[in-house]
Protein backbone atom coordinates (compact mmCIF):
# COMPACT_ATOMS: atom_id res chain seq x y z
CA MET A 1 110.64 -12.06 157.80
CA GLN A 2 110.44 -8.21 158.29
CA PHE A 3 107.34 -6.10 157.44
CA ASP A 4 107.04 -2.43 157.62
CA LYS A 5 103.57 -2.83 158.89
CA PRO A 6 101.73 -5.33 161.28
CA ILE A 7 100.06 -8.35 160.29
CA ALA A 8 96.48 -8.25 160.89
CA LEU A 9 94.90 -11.20 162.86
CA ALA A 10 91.16 -12.11 163.27
CA ALA A 11 89.10 -15.15 164.19
CA ASP A 12 85.68 -16.29 165.13
CA HIS A 13 84.94 -18.66 167.88
CA GLY A 14 86.00 -21.71 165.85
CA GLY A 15 89.50 -20.24 165.24
CA TYR A 16 90.18 -18.23 168.46
CA GLU A 17 92.48 -20.84 169.97
CA LEU A 18 94.54 -21.17 166.76
CA LYS A 19 94.69 -17.42 166.66
CA GLU A 20 96.03 -17.20 169.99
CA ALA A 21 98.66 -19.92 169.05
CA ILE A 22 99.60 -17.84 165.97
CA LYS A 23 99.92 -14.71 168.22
CA ALA A 24 102.33 -16.55 170.46
CA HIS A 25 104.54 -17.72 167.28
CA LEU A 26 104.55 -14.18 166.03
CA ASP A 27 105.76 -13.06 169.43
CA GLU A 28 108.32 -15.54 169.38
CA LEU A 29 109.51 -14.42 165.93
CA GLY A 30 109.27 -10.68 166.76
CA VAL A 31 106.62 -10.21 164.04
CA ALA A 32 104.30 -7.27 165.07
CA TYR A 33 100.55 -7.87 164.64
CA GLU A 34 97.10 -6.44 165.42
CA ASP A 35 94.53 -8.64 166.89
CA PHE A 36 91.15 -7.63 165.86
CA GLY A 37 89.33 -10.33 167.82
CA THR A 38 87.43 -12.22 168.80
CA ASP A 39 88.60 -12.65 172.42
CA SER A 40 86.89 -15.90 173.30
CA THR A 41 85.33 -19.17 172.00
CA ALA A 42 81.75 -17.43 172.65
CA SER A 43 79.84 -17.96 169.43
CA VAL A 44 80.23 -14.90 166.84
CA ASP A 45 79.70 -14.46 163.21
CA TYR A 46 82.88 -15.05 161.06
CA PRO A 47 81.93 -12.35 158.46
CA ASP A 48 82.27 -9.64 161.12
CA TYR A 49 85.83 -10.59 161.93
CA ALA A 50 86.86 -11.19 158.21
CA VAL A 51 85.62 -7.66 157.30
CA VAL A 52 87.52 -5.85 160.11
CA GLY A 53 90.84 -7.96 159.56
CA CYS A 54 90.68 -7.49 155.70
CA LYS A 55 89.89 -3.52 155.89
CA ALA A 56 93.10 -3.24 157.78
CA VAL A 57 94.81 -4.51 154.70
CA GLN A 58 92.84 -2.41 152.40
CA ASP A 59 93.43 0.74 154.17
CA GLY A 60 97.20 0.13 154.39
CA ARG A 61 97.24 -0.11 158.31
CA CYS A 62 98.44 -3.91 157.99
CA ALA A 63 100.57 -5.63 155.48
CA LEU A 64 98.67 -8.97 155.30
CA VAL A 65 95.87 -10.60 157.31
CA ILE A 66 95.64 -14.05 158.79
CA LEU A 67 92.22 -15.18 159.44
CA CYS A 68 90.82 -18.14 161.40
CA CYS A 69 87.50 -19.93 161.81
CA GLY A 70 86.61 -23.53 162.08
CA THR A 71 87.55 -24.61 158.57
CA GLY A 72 89.13 -21.43 157.14
CA VAL A 73 86.48 -21.61 154.30
CA GLY A 74 84.01 -19.21 155.66
CA MET A 75 86.62 -16.66 156.40
CA SER A 76 88.26 -17.11 152.85
CA MET A 77 84.83 -16.57 151.09
CA CYS A 78 84.00 -13.44 152.92
CA ALA A 79 87.70 -12.15 152.31
CA ASN A 80 87.45 -12.77 148.82
CA LYS A 81 84.38 -10.77 148.36
CA MET A 82 86.28 -7.72 149.42
CA GLN A 83 87.94 -5.37 146.94
CA GLY A 84 91.69 -6.05 146.62
CA ILE A 85 91.78 -9.11 148.95
CA ARG A 86 93.20 -12.30 147.56
CA ALA A 87 92.59 -14.87 150.18
CA CYS A 88 93.58 -18.49 150.26
CA CYS A 89 92.56 -21.13 152.73
CA CYS A 90 95.56 -23.35 153.56
CA SER A 91 96.20 -26.58 155.17
CA ASP A 92 99.67 -27.15 153.91
CA THR A 93 102.88 -25.23 153.60
CA PHE A 94 103.27 -25.85 149.97
CA SER A 95 100.04 -23.99 149.07
CA ALA A 96 100.65 -21.27 151.68
CA GLU A 97 103.98 -20.45 149.82
CA LEU A 98 102.88 -20.69 146.28
CA THR A 99 99.82 -18.65 146.95
CA ARG A 100 102.09 -15.86 147.80
CA ARG A 101 104.82 -16.38 145.29
CA HIS A 102 102.26 -16.97 142.35
CA ASN A 103 99.05 -15.34 143.36
CA ASN A 104 100.18 -12.51 145.58
CA ALA A 105 97.67 -13.42 148.16
CA ASN A 106 97.35 -11.04 151.00
CA ALA A 107 95.19 -13.04 153.31
CA LEU A 108 95.78 -16.49 154.61
CA CYS A 109 92.88 -18.31 156.12
CA LEU A 110 93.23 -21.35 158.38
CA GLY A 111 90.88 -23.66 160.11
CA GLY A 112 91.06 -24.41 163.83
CA ARG A 113 89.26 -27.61 163.37
CA VAL A 114 91.36 -28.58 160.36
CA VAL A 115 95.04 -27.95 161.35
CA GLY A 116 96.66 -27.93 164.77
CA ALA A 117 98.76 -25.13 166.17
CA GLY A 118 102.09 -26.78 165.17
CA LEU A 119 101.22 -27.19 161.38
CA ALA A 120 99.45 -23.80 161.46
CA CYS A 121 102.52 -21.99 162.54
CA LYS A 122 104.56 -23.58 159.81
CA ILE A 123 101.89 -22.63 157.34
CA VAL A 124 102.25 -19.13 158.59
CA ASP A 125 105.95 -19.06 158.32
CA ALA A 126 105.70 -20.39 154.72
CA PHE A 127 103.01 -17.67 153.73
CA LEU A 128 105.15 -14.78 155.56
CA ASN A 129 108.31 -15.86 154.12
CA ALA A 130 107.40 -16.20 150.64
CA GLU A 131 107.57 -13.02 148.24
CA PHE A 132 105.52 -12.53 145.14
CA GLU A 133 107.56 -13.36 141.90
CA GLY A 134 105.92 -10.98 139.60
CA GLY A 135 106.52 -11.66 135.84
CA ARG A 136 104.12 -13.68 134.24
CA HIS A 137 102.05 -14.13 137.35
CA GLN A 138 101.38 -10.31 137.47
CA THR A 139 99.20 -10.67 134.21
CA ARG A 140 97.10 -13.41 135.89
CA ILE A 141 96.70 -11.22 139.04
CA ASP A 142 95.58 -8.42 136.76
CA LYS A 143 93.08 -10.73 135.03
CA MET A 144 91.74 -12.11 138.31
CA MET A 145 91.16 -8.64 139.98
CA ALA A 146 89.48 -7.41 136.91
CA LEU A 147 86.84 -9.94 137.88
CA GLN A 148 85.79 -7.90 140.58
CA ASN A 149 84.40 -5.18 138.20
CA GLN A 150 82.24 -7.61 136.20
């Protein structure tokens, strides 16, 4: 897996430890990333970190974003409110792969209280290694993204 831009990483307190495990995994793989926080397990508000991570994708600074919170759901809900972001909360490798291949997802959300570090790294690998298939899926993406303007 090679990207011309780094992967954005962000987490709240519930996803901090998982984010740190993912950073170590990306280091082993030689995948560049930018860490947008948080830096501890002290309580913070997940929307603040979802926004900063997703903005790095919106402005083209990062290729994709991986967001971690307690369940992954809060981060996913926040990310999907942001223009141009297609986020999926995943707890398995199949969903992570298919959301990239079919939905052209640019945000992966994971729950630090839902998946362990080993599974999370496999999910990250599935997400990062998959490529959008285009074709009939692009029509569906266009319809989905048009919903932002309603």
